[in-house]
Amino acid sequence: MAIKTPEEYRESVRDGRQVYCLGEKVSDVNTHPVLGICADGCAMDYVLAQDPRYRDLFVEQNEEGEPVHFTFIPGKSPQDLLRRRPIIQTAARACFGLPAGAKFTGIDGLNAMAVVCRRVDRAMETTSYTERIEAYRKHLQKTDAAVALAMTDVKGDRSLRPSKQADRDLYLRVVDEGKDGIVVRGAKVHISLSPCANEIIVVPCRAMREEEKEYAVSFGIQPDTKGLTFISGGRDAMEEGNYFDNPLNARLYGADALLVFDDVFVPWERVFLCKEWQFAADTAYVFAGFHRLSADAYKYAELEILVGAAALIAEYNGLEKVPHVQDKLSWLMMYAEGTEALGRAACENCVPEPESDLVYPNPMFSNIAKFFFAENYHHAIKLVQDIAGGIVATAPSSKDFYNPATRPMIEKYLVGKAGIPAEHRLRAIKLVRDLSAGIHAVTTVHAEGSLAAQRISIYALADFERYKAAAKRVAGIDDGTKHPLFSELPQHPSLAKEKKKA
């Protein structure tokens, strides 16, 4: 198989997987009223790849000359990483700001394990994980799989390490090893898009110690594997298909599931890390770098909607010429374009993996880009709400608008400026409400890593010696330490004058 059609994708997820949603077992994710929203989003990846207008962006030839989805090609240059951005953004624009699910989180896990497997093989010398992950990559290419990533463990008591939990299964772990493979038990949580995927890549979520080596495990698994159960995440109460009152949220559902592994068997050829505890942290950090590249890309598409909603409601309210509104719109534009610029910088300044031809996004820039977006999102929402006005909270529902008894009054009294019908203004107001509340207010902060996770990464990556060397030079502090950047600078005349005075 080369590039799947949307219909082939939909058929591929009818495989008897154990999925539960809203208290009932789901027989077909495609036709379920809620999970079907996620399946529709995944299918859009295949729609775009089949569309002649986008095929050159989405499709590339692999080493065997076969057409495959470009995201399955390993990144070897800044240009490779940069090409992922318009792919993600095009898919996100097609899916109302949320990335289409078939080629999103799982791809970041695949690329992260490609880097980490090389590190493990170089250090251990007895493992062959690189060969396995690249064979798995070929499998994903040939099946044009929809791939999800399972990273976050349920964790139990957050103050305790994995090995100290009252229940050892609160972090996914290896419970048995045999000639043919391993058996794992535990659970992963917040696993976006997984009920609608063809493959799931599992990775550890944190650094491990030697006594916790059973938790250092990574593998690829199919959703219909015996012992694997999906319990899909909750959803804000709303009338399904009501796109008037919920133009955004009624169209989006990430199916963020709890994945329960009840003594699941994984064959060795699908295992990419098994008890090499020293590399669990590498897996988490490298994945975070790739995934924040993806986040930076789709967040820009989301911000296009946010800025557009602000500009639209300002125009409909007749406020687009008011100075304080223009100031708010200018800030929103800087926020959106700053997010895009930082995301691109992470690709353009990518880091080569030693002794390989792979590259990964600059971790400092990618963490800053994600932090910049998440830290400022709620301020952006405040500005949009301020422009839109209090009617965001009190606007009549679609049922009132479509009621013949009340529609004439709504159309008379809820018009905007001249030429803007009440329906257009109401639809823009409803969009602002959807952007301002519900899942977006939470996922913006926590998706792709929390603010605390970015702060920790940024602090760990910071070159404080360089910053201190810059400060010492200006302050005239000579404590004998040398820095390759600042110690090599020619002496400024003022420094010589100061020495003469001393």
Protein backbone atom coordinates (compact mmCIF):
# COMPACT_ATOMS: atom_id res chain seq x y z
CA MET A 1 0.00 0.00 0.00
CA ALA A 2 1.26 3.49 -0.82
CA ILE A 3 -0.87 6.41 0.38
CA LYS A 4 -4.19 5.38 1.91
CA THR A 5 -7.45 6.88 0.83
CA PRO A 6 -9.73 8.24 3.57
CA GLU A 7 -12.01 5.25 3.02
CA GLU A 8 -9.11 2.82 3.45
CA TYR A 9 -8.15 4.57 6.69
CA ARG A 10 -11.68 4.28 8.06
CA GLU A 11 -11.81 0.59 7.23
CA SER A 12 -8.41 0.01 8.88
CA VAL A 13 -9.69 1.04 12.32
CA ARG A 14 -12.61 -1.41 12.20
CA ASP A 15 -10.57 -4.17 13.86
CA GLY A 16 -12.38 -5.10 17.08
CA ARG A 17 -10.32 -2.85 19.37
CA GLN A 18 -11.62 -2.49 22.94
CA VAL A 19 -12.82 1.13 23.16
CA TYR A 20 -15.17 2.66 25.71
CA CYS A 21 -16.64 6.17 25.56
CA LEU A 22 -19.32 7.85 27.69
CA GLY A 23 -20.13 4.66 29.53
CA GLU A 24 -20.55 2.32 26.60
CA LYS A 25 -18.45 0.02 24.44
CA VAL A 26 -17.84 1.39 20.96
CA SER A 27 -18.23 -0.95 18.01
CA ASP A 28 -16.97 1.46 15.34
CA VAL A 29 -15.10 4.70 16.10
CA ASN A 30 -16.12 6.08 12.70
CA THR A 31 -19.83 6.08 13.44
CA HIS A 32 -19.78 6.94 17.15
CA PRO A 33 -21.27 10.44 17.71
CA VAL A 34 -18.23 11.62 19.68
CA LEU A 35 -15.31 9.43 18.60
CA GLY A 36 -16.41 9.93 15.01
CA ILE A 37 -15.25 13.55 15.34
CA CYS A 38 -11.73 12.30 16.07
CA ALA A 39 -11.89 9.79 13.20
CA ASP A 40 -12.98 12.59 10.86
CA GLY A 41 -9.92 14.59 11.90
CA CYS A 42 -7.59 11.66 11.31
CA ALA A 43 -9.17 11.06 7.91
CA MET A 44 -8.31 14.62 6.87
CA ASP A 45 -4.63 13.64 6.75
CA TYR A 46 -5.51 11.18 4.00
CA VAL A 47 -7.79 13.66 2.25
CA LEU A 48 -4.96 16.19 2.03
CA ALA A 49 -2.33 13.66 0.94
CA GLN A 50 -4.62 12.50 -1.89
CA ASP A 51 -5.43 16.07 -3.00
CA PRO A 52 -3.31 17.07 -6.05
CA ARG A 53 -3.00 20.61 -4.64
CA TYR A 54 -1.16 19.34 -1.55
CA ARG A 55 0.41 16.08 -2.70
CA ASP A 56 3.87 17.56 -3.35
CA LEU A 57 3.93 18.90 0.21
CA PHE A 58 2.63 15.77 1.93
CA VAL A 59 4.13 12.96 -0.16
CA GLU A 60 7.77 12.02 -0.72
CA GLN A 61 9.63 9.03 -2.14
CA ASN A 62 11.40 6.82 0.38
CA GLU A 63 14.75 5.10 -0.20
CA GLU A 64 13.03 2.39 -2.26
CA GLY A 65 11.40 4.99 -4.49
CA GLU A 66 7.94 4.36 -3.06
CA PRO A 67 5.55 7.26 -2.39
CA VAL A 68 5.11 7.71 1.39
CA HIS A 69 3.84 10.42 3.69
CA PHE A 70 6.71 12.87 4.19
CA THR A 71 6.43 12.82 7.97
CA PHE A 72 7.68 9.21 7.94
CA ILE A 73 10.96 10.38 6.37
CA PRO A 74 13.67 10.87 9.06
CA GLY A 75 14.76 14.48 9.50
CA LYS A 76 18.34 15.07 8.37
CA SER A 77 18.46 18.84 7.81
CA PRO A 78 16.83 22.10 8.85
CA GLN A 79 14.86 21.96 5.60
CA ASP A 80 13.38 18.58 6.58
CA LEU A 81 12.22 19.97 9.92
CA LEU A 82 10.92 23.16 8.32
CA ARG A 83 8.88 21.19 5.80
CA ARG A 84 7.00 19.54 8.65
CA ARG A 85 5.64 22.94 9.72
CA PRO A 86 3.46 23.68 6.65
CA ILE A 87 2.30 20.05 6.65
CA ILE A 88 1.11 20.35 10.25
CA GLN A 89 -0.29 23.84 9.68
CA THR A 90 -2.18 22.86 6.53
CA ALA A 91 -3.74 19.92 8.36
CA ALA A 92 -4.57 22.12 11.36
CA ARG A 93 -6.18 24.75 9.13
CA ALA A 94 -8.28 22.03 7.54
CA CYS A 95 -9.30 20.84 11.04
CA PHE A 96 -10.24 24.19 12.61
CA GLY A 97 -6.96 24.71 14.48
CA LEU A 98 -6.47 21.21 15.87
CA PRO A 99 -3.82 19.11 14.14
CA ALA A 100 -5.20 16.28 12.04
CA GLY A 101 -4.48 13.17 14.06
CA ALA A 102 -3.10 10.52 11.73
CA LYS A 103 0.45 11.87 11.52
CA PHE A 104 0.97 13.95 14.65
CA THR A 105 2.13 12.78 18.10
CA GLY A 106 3.21 9.34 16.96
CA ILE A 107 5.59 10.76 14.37
CA ASP A 108 7.34 12.76 17.11
CA GLY A 109 7.72 9.55 19.12
CA LEU A 110 9.11 7.71 16.09
CA ASN A 111 11.72 10.40 15.44
CA ALA A 112 12.64 10.64 19.11
CA MET A 113 13.22 6.89 19.37
CA ALA A 114 15.28 6.95 16.18
CA VAL A 115 17.68 9.31 17.99
CA VAL A 116 17.60 7.51 21.34
CA CYS A 117 17.99 4.02 19.85
CA ARG A 118 21.27 5.12 18.31
CA ARG A 119 22.46 6.40 21.68
CA VAL A 120 21.56 3.13 23.39
CA ASP A 121 23.24 1.01 20.73
CA ARG A 122 26.43 3.10 20.88
CA ALA A 123 26.59 2.89 24.67
CA MET A 124 25.49 -0.72 25.23
CA GLU A 125 27.09 -2.27 22.10
CA THR A 126 24.93 -5.40 22.52
CA THR A 127 21.55 -3.98 21.50
CA SER A 128 20.09 -3.57 18.02
CA TYR A 129 17.34 -1.04 18.65
CA THR A 130 18.30 1.14 15.70
CA GLU A 131 17.66 -1.72 13.30
CA ARG A 132 14.28 -2.34 14.96
CA ILE A 133 13.08 1.26 14.92
CA GLU A 134 14.02 1.68 11.27
CA ALA A 135 12.24 -1.57 10.37
CA TYR A 136 9.23 -0.26 12.24
CA ARG A 137 9.50 3.01 10.29
CA LYS A 138 9.34 1.00 7.06
CA HIS A 139 6.25 -0.78 8.36
CA LEU A 140 4.59 2.56 9.09
CA GLN A 141 5.49 3.84 5.63
CA LYS A 142 4.15 0.78 3.84
CA THR A 143 0.88 0.73 5.80
CA ASP A 144 0.56 4.55 5.80
CA ALA A 145 -0.43 4.18 9.43
CA ALA A 146 -2.19 6.64 11.68
CA VAL A 147 0.19 6.79 14.64
CA ALA A 148 -0.39 7.94 18.22
CA LEU A 149 2.08 8.37 21.08
CA ALA A 150 1.59 7.08 24.63
CA MET A 151 3.91 8.80 27.09
CA THR A 152 2.22 10.07 30.26
CA ASP A 153 1.86 7.55 33.09
CA VAL A 154 -1.01 7.85 35.58
CA LYS A 155 1.63 8.40 38.35
CA GLY A 156 -0.51 7.94 41.48
CA ASP A 157 1.12 9.87 44.36
CA ARG A 158 3.12 12.54 42.53
CA SER A 159 5.42 13.00 45.52
CA LEU A 160 6.70 9.43 45.14
CA ARG A 161 8.99 7.96 42.51
CA PRO A 162 7.76 5.08 40.31
CA SER A 163 9.41 2.42 42.46
CA LYS A 164 7.89 3.83 45.66
CA GLN A 165 4.23 3.78 44.61
CA ALA A 166 1.87 1.63 46.66
CA ASP A 167 0.75 0.01 43.41
CA ARG A 168 3.71 -0.73 41.14
CA ASP A 169 1.45 -0.62 38.07
CA LEU A 170 0.89 3.16 38.33
CA TYR A 171 3.78 3.51 35.88
CA LEU A 172 3.80 1.19 32.86
CA ARG A 173 6.36 -1.55 33.44
CA VAL A 174 7.84 -4.78 32.12
CA VAL A 175 6.51 -7.71 34.17
CA ASP A 176 8.00 -10.57 32.14
CA GLU A 177 10.61 -11.26 29.47
CA GLY A 178 10.79 -14.30 27.23
CA LYS A 179 12.37 -15.64 24.09
CA ASP A 180 9.73 -14.05 21.88
CA GLY A 181 9.08 -10.74 23.63
CA ILE A 182 8.03 -8.93 26.77
CA VAL A 183 4.83 -8.55 28.79
CA VAL A 184 3.84 -5.10 30.08
CA ARG A 185 1.30 -3.94 32.64
CA GLY A 186 0.07 -0.50 33.69
CA ALA A 187 -1.63 2.46 32.06
CA LYS A 188 -0.98 5.62 30.08
CA VAL A 189 -3.24 8.67 30.26
CA HIS A 190 -4.16 11.71 28.09
CA ILE A 191 -3.28 9.70 24.98
CA SER A 192 -4.61 11.89 22.20
CA LEU A 193 -6.14 10.32 19.09
CA SER A 194 -5.25 6.80 20.21
CA PRO A 195 -8.71 5.18 19.81
CA CYS A 196 -8.56 6.14 16.12
CA ALA A 197 -4.93 5.15 15.41
CA ASN A 198 -3.43 2.16 13.61
CA GLU A 199 -0.27 2.09 15.71
CA ILE A 200 0.74 3.44 19.12
CA ILE A 201 4.33 4.16 20.11
CA VAL A 202 4.88 3.86 23.88
CA VAL A 203 7.73 5.68 25.64
CA PRO A 204 8.68 6.40 29.29
CA CYS A 205 7.65 9.80 30.64
CA ARG A 206 10.57 10.61 32.94
CA ALA A 207 14.08 9.80 34.12
CA MET A 208 14.47 6.48 35.91
CA ARG A 209 16.93 5.08 38.43
CA GLU A 210 18.49 1.63 38.26
CA GLU A 211 15.99 0.22 40.76
CA GLU A 212 13.26 1.46 38.40
CA LYS A 213 14.60 -0.16 35.23
CA GLU A 214 11.39 -2.16 34.68
CA TYR A 215 9.69 1.17 33.87
CA ALA A 216 12.21 2.10 31.17
CA VAL A 217 10.37 0.59 28.23
CA SER A 218 9.44 1.68 24.72
CA PHE A 219 7.64 -0.25 22.00
CA GLY A 220 5.15 -0.06 19.15
CA ILE A 221 1.77 -1.73 19.45
CA GLN A 222 -1.44 -2.14 17.45
CA PRO A 223 -4.72 -1.01 19.08
CA ASP A 224 -6.43 -4.39 18.68
CA THR A 225 -3.76 -6.21 20.71
CA LYS A 226 -5.18 -8.52 23.36
CA GLY A 227 -5.23 -6.92 26.83
CA LEU A 228 -5.22 -3.31 25.59
CA THR A 229 -8.29 -1.21 26.50
CA PHE A 230 -9.10 2.42 25.62
CA ILE A 231 -11.33 4.57 27.84
CA SER A 232 -11.85 7.77 25.91
CA GLY A 233 -11.67 11.10 27.72
CA GLY A 234 -14.63 13.22 28.75
CA ARG A 235 -16.22 15.93 26.68
CA ASP A 236 -17.85 19.23 27.57
CA ALA A 237 -21.62 18.96 27.57
CA MET A 238 -22.94 20.18 24.24
CA GLU A 239 -25.40 19.19 21.58
CA GLU A 240 -23.48 17.10 19.05
CA GLY A 241 -23.58 18.65 15.61
CA ASN A 242 -24.62 22.09 16.89
CA TYR A 243 -22.09 24.06 14.89
CA PHE A 244 -23.91 27.37 15.38
CA ASP A 245 -23.51 27.51 19.18
CA ASN A 246 -20.22 25.58 19.22
CA PRO A 247 -18.53 26.30 15.88
CA LEU A 248 -15.18 25.12 17.21
CA ASN A 249 -15.77 22.62 20.00
CA ALA A 250 -18.52 20.69 18.23
CA ARG A 251 -16.04 20.00 15.42
CA LEU A 252 -13.07 19.02 17.60
CA TYR A 253 -12.43 16.00 19.79
CA GLY A 254 -8.99 14.59 20.50
CA ALA A 255 -10.29 11.37 22.11
CA ASP A 256 -7.64 11.71 24.85
CA ALA A 257 -7.87 8.21 26.26
CA LEU A 258 -6.77 6.23 29.26
CA LEU A 259 -4.90 3.20 27.87
CA VAL A 260 -4.90 0.17 30.15
CA PHE A 261 -2.30 -2.55 29.50
CA ASP A 262 -3.44 -5.77 31.17
CA ASP A 263 -0.43 -8.07 30.73
CA VAL A 264 0.01 -7.14 27.07
CA PHE A 265 2.52 -9.13 25.02
CA VAL A 266 4.94 -7.22 22.77
CA PRO A 267 7.24 -9.14 20.35
CA TRP A 268 10.93 -8.23 20.50
CA GLU A 269 10.96 -6.75 17.00
CA ARG A 270 8.61 -4.05 18.29
CA VAL A 271 10.60 -3.27 21.46
CA PHE A 272 12.84 -0.17 21.31
CA LEU A 273 13.92 0.13 24.95
CA CYS A 274 13.82 -2.54 27.65
CA LYS A 275 15.27 -1.72 31.09
CA GLU A 276 18.06 0.53 29.78
CA TRP A 277 17.08 2.95 32.54
CA GLN A 278 19.91 5.38 31.78
CA PHE A 279 18.10 6.44 28.58
CA ALA A 280 14.59 7.00 29.90
CA ALA A 281 15.28 10.71 30.41
CA ASP A 282 16.75 11.02 26.90
CA THR A 283 13.55 9.57 25.49
CA ALA A 284 11.37 12.08 27.33
CA TYR A 285 13.52 15.09 26.46
CA VAL A 286 14.10 14.25 22.79
CA PHE A 287 10.42 13.51 22.28
CA ALA A 288 9.52 16.81 23.94
CA GLY A 289 11.74 18.66 21.46
CA PHE A 290 10.13 17.05 18.43
CA HIS A 291 6.63 17.39 19.85
CA ARG A 292 7.06 21.05 20.69
CA LEU A 293 8.06 21.61 17.07
CA SER A 294 4.69 20.11 16.15
CA ALA A 295 2.94 22.17 18.83
CA ASP A 296 4.57 25.42 17.72
CA ALA A 297 3.39 24.71 14.19
CA TYR A 298 -0.26 23.93 14.88
CA LYS A 299 -0.57 26.59 17.59
CA TYR A 300 0.14 29.16 14.91
CA ALA A 301 -2.83 27.85 12.92
CA GLU A 302 -4.91 28.07 16.10
CA LEU A 303 -3.75 31.65 16.66
CA GLU A 304 -4.79 32.56 13.13
CA ILE A 305 -8.33 31.71 14.21
CA LEU A 306 -8.01 33.62 17.48
CA VAL A 307 -6.62 36.78 15.85
CA GLY A 308 -9.17 36.46 13.05
CA ALA A 309 -12.03 36.18 15.54
CA ALA A 310 -10.81 39.33 17.32
CA ALA A 311 -10.49 41.29 14.08
CA LEU A 312 -13.85 40.01 12.85
CA ILE A 313 -15.80 40.91 15.98
CA ALA A 314 -14.09 44.30 16.14
CA GLU A 315 -15.27 44.98 12.59
CA TYR A 316 -18.78 43.66 13.24
CA ASN A 317 -19.07 45.80 16.37
CA GLY A 318 -17.85 48.87 14.47
CA LEU A 319 -14.76 49.21 16.65
CA GLU A 320 -11.94 48.47 14.20
CA LYS A 321 -10.85 52.14 14.08
CA VAL A 322 -10.83 52.68 17.86
CA PRO A 323 -7.22 53.18 19.09
CA HIS A 324 -7.36 50.88 22.13
CA VAL A 325 -8.88 48.11 19.98
CA GLN A 326 -6.17 48.57 17.38
CA ASP A 327 -3.58 48.29 20.18
CA LYS A 328 -5.11 44.98 21.28
CA LEU A 329 -5.17 43.67 17.73
CA SER A 330 -1.53 44.68 17.27
CA TRP A 331 -0.54 42.76 20.41
CA LEU A 332 -2.45 39.71 19.22
CA MET A 333 -0.69 39.85 15.86
CA MET A 334 2.74 40.11 17.53
CA TYR A 335 1.83 37.16 19.75
CA ALA A 336 0.86 34.99 16.76
CA GLU A 337 3.84 35.90 14.59
CA GLY A 338 6.25 35.62 17.53
CA THR A 339 5.07 32.06 18.12
CA GLU A 340 5.69 31.25 14.46
CA ALA A 341 9.14 32.86 14.45
CA LEU A 342 10.31 30.99 17.56
CA GLY A 343 9.04 27.70 16.16
CA ARG A 344 10.89 28.23 12.90
CA ALA A 345 14.05 29.15 14.82
CA ALA A 346 14.00 25.74 16.53
CA CYS A 347 14.15 24.10 13.08
CA GLU A 348 16.64 26.48 11.52
CA ASN A 349 19.02 26.01 14.47
CA CYS A 350 18.51 22.26 14.78
CA VAL A 351 20.99 20.03 16.58
CA PRO A 352 22.81 17.15 14.81
CA GLU A 353 22.84 13.81 16.61
CA PRO A 354 26.49 12.64 16.96
CA GLU A 355 27.58 9.71 14.82
CA SER A 356 24.39 9.76 12.75
CA ASP A 357 22.77 11.73 9.95
CA LEU A 358 19.76 12.71 12.09
CA VAL A 359 18.90 16.14 13.46
CA TYR A 360 16.39 17.27 16.08
CA PRO A 361 14.85 20.67 16.87
CA ASN A 362 16.90 23.06 18.98
CA PRO A 363 15.59 22.21 22.46
CA MET A 364 16.09 25.69 23.90
CA PHE A 365 14.17 27.43 21.11
CA SER A 366 11.43 24.79 20.98
CA ASN A 367 10.81 25.03 24.73
CA ILE A 368 10.77 28.83 24.62
CA ALA A 369 8.33 28.79 21.70
CA LYS A 370 5.89 26.53 23.55
CA PHE A 371 6.26 28.52 26.79
CA PHE A 372 5.73 31.81 24.93
CA PHE A 373 2.49 30.52 23.45
CA ALA A 374 1.09 28.96 26.64
CA GLU A 375 2.14 31.76 29.00
CA ASN A 376 0.45 34.42 26.90
CA TYR A 377 -2.68 32.57 25.81
CA HIS A 378 -4.97 33.65 28.61
CA HIS A 379 -3.94 37.27 28.18
CA ALA A 380 -4.80 36.93 24.50
CA ILE A 381 -8.22 35.52 25.42
CA LYS A 382 -8.81 38.47 27.75
CA LEU A 383 -8.13 40.90 24.90
CA VAL A 384 -10.47 39.05 22.54
CA GLN A 385 -13.22 38.98 25.17
CA ASP A 386 -12.72 42.69 25.82
CA ILE A 387 -13.12 43.48 22.13
CA ALA A 388 -16.17 41.22 21.77
CA GLY A 389 -18.05 42.51 24.82
CA GLY A 390 -20.33 40.93 27.43
CA ILE A 391 -22.68 39.47 24.83
CA VAL A 392 -20.23 36.56 24.55
CA ALA A 393 -21.76 35.30 27.83
CA THR A 394 -25.42 36.14 27.12
CA ALA A 395 -26.06 35.68 23.40
CA PRO A 396 -29.22 33.75 22.45
CA SER A 397 -28.84 30.15 21.39
CA SER A 398 -29.27 28.75 17.90
CA LYS A 399 -32.66 27.37 18.98
CA ASP A 400 -33.82 30.93 19.65
CA PHE A 401 -32.32 32.13 16.38
CA TYR A 402 -34.09 29.43 14.37
CA ASN A 403 -37.38 29.83 16.25
CA PRO A 404 -39.81 31.74 13.95
CA ALA A 405 -41.31 33.51 17.00
CA THR A 406 -38.00 35.03 18.18
CA ARG A 407 -35.79 35.20 15.08
CA PRO A 408 -37.21 38.52 13.75
CA MET A 409 -36.46 40.21 17.09
CA ILE A 410 -32.92 38.79 17.21
CA GLU A 411 -32.28 39.88 13.64
CA LYS A 412 -33.55 43.40 14.41
CA TYR A 413 -31.77 44.02 17.70
CA LEU A 414 -28.51 42.04 17.50
CA VAL A 415 -27.21 43.44 14.24
CA GLY A 416 -23.73 44.89 14.10
CA LYS A 417 -22.62 47.90 12.17
CA ALA A 418 -24.36 48.71 8.89
CA GLY A 419 -24.29 45.80 6.46
CA ILE A 420 -23.50 43.13 9.08
CA PRO A 421 -26.49 40.81 9.63
CA ALA A 422 -27.26 39.56 13.13
CA GLU A 423 -26.50 35.97 12.12
CA HIS A 424 -22.92 36.80 11.13
CA ARG A 425 -22.35 38.74 14.35
CA LEU A 426 -23.85 35.91 16.43
CA ARG A 427 -21.68 33.31 14.74
CA ALA A 428 -18.56 35.37 15.44
CA ILE A 429 -19.66 35.81 19.06
CA LYS A 430 -20.16 32.07 19.44
CA LEU A 431 -16.66 31.46 18.07
CA VAL A 432 -15.18 33.84 20.66
CA ARG A 433 -17.05 31.95 23.38
CA ASP A 434 -15.75 28.60 22.13
CA LEU A 435 -12.20 29.95 22.02
CA SER A 436 -12.53 31.40 25.52
CA ALA A 437 -13.85 28.41 27.43
CA GLY A 438 -13.76 24.67 27.72
CA ILE A 439 -10.91 22.44 26.60
CA HIS A 440 -8.80 25.16 24.95
CA ALA A 441 -8.22 27.00 28.21
CA VAL A 442 -6.69 23.83 29.69
CA THR A 443 -4.92 22.13 26.80
CA THR A 444 -3.13 25.34 25.86
CA VAL A 445 -1.22 25.16 29.12
CA HIS A 446 -0.82 21.39 29.49
CA ALA A 447 -0.72 19.94 25.97
CA GLU A 448 2.80 19.17 24.73
CA GLY A 449 4.12 19.72 28.27
CA SER A 450 3.12 22.05 31.08
CA LEU A 451 4.64 25.47 31.76
CA ALA A 452 6.65 23.90 34.59
CA ALA A 453 8.07 21.31 32.17
CA GLN A 454 9.24 24.05 29.83
CA ARG A 455 10.78 26.05 32.69
CA ILE A 456 12.69 22.98 33.89
CA SER A 457 13.97 22.25 30.39
CA ILE A 458 14.94 25.85 29.70
CA TYR A 459 16.80 26.12 33.02
CA ALA A 460 18.65 22.86 32.39
CA LEU A 461 19.65 23.97 28.89
CA ALA A 462 20.68 27.50 29.83
CA ASP A 463 24.31 28.47 29.34
CA PHE A 464 24.59 30.52 32.53
CA GLU A 465 28.40 30.58 32.31
CA ARG A 466 28.12 32.57 29.09
CA TYR A 467 25.67 35.00 30.65
CA LYS A 468 27.87 35.40 33.73
CA ALA A 469 30.95 35.92 31.55
CA ALA A 470 29.13 38.76 29.78
CA ALA A 471 28.24 40.36 33.11
CA LYS A 472 31.77 39.95 34.52
CA ARG A 473 33.29 41.67 31.51
CA VAL A 474 31.11 44.75 31.97
CA ALA A 475 31.51 44.77 35.76
CA GLY A 476 35.28 44.45 35.46
CA ILE A 477 35.43 41.21 37.45
CA ASP A 478 38.54 39.14 36.69
CA ASP A 479 38.35 35.98 38.79
CA GLY A 480 40.57 33.90 36.52
CA THR A 481 37.77 32.01 34.78
CA LYS A 482 37.83 31.90 31.01
CA HIS A 483 34.98 31.71 28.52
CA PRO A 484 35.60 30.90 24.83
CA LEU A 485 33.29 33.67 23.62
CA PHE A 486 34.03 36.58 25.95
CA SER A 487 37.64 35.87 26.95
CA GLU A 488 38.71 36.03 23.29
CA LEU A 489 37.22 39.48 22.68
CA PRO A 490 39.70 42.31 22.18
CA GLN A 491 40.06 44.55 25.21
CA HIS A 492 37.88 47.64 25.21
CA PRO A 493 39.81 50.92 25.82
CA SER A 494 37.76 51.64 28.93
CA LEU A 495 38.99 48.42 30.57
CA ALA A 496 42.60 49.46 30.00
CA LYS A 497 41.89 52.91 31.46
CA GLU A 498 40.35 51.35 34.54
CA LYS A 499 43.41 49.16 35.09
CA LYS A 500 45.66 52.22 34.91
CA LYS A 501 43.62 53.94 37.60
CA ALA A 502 43.88 50.89 39.81
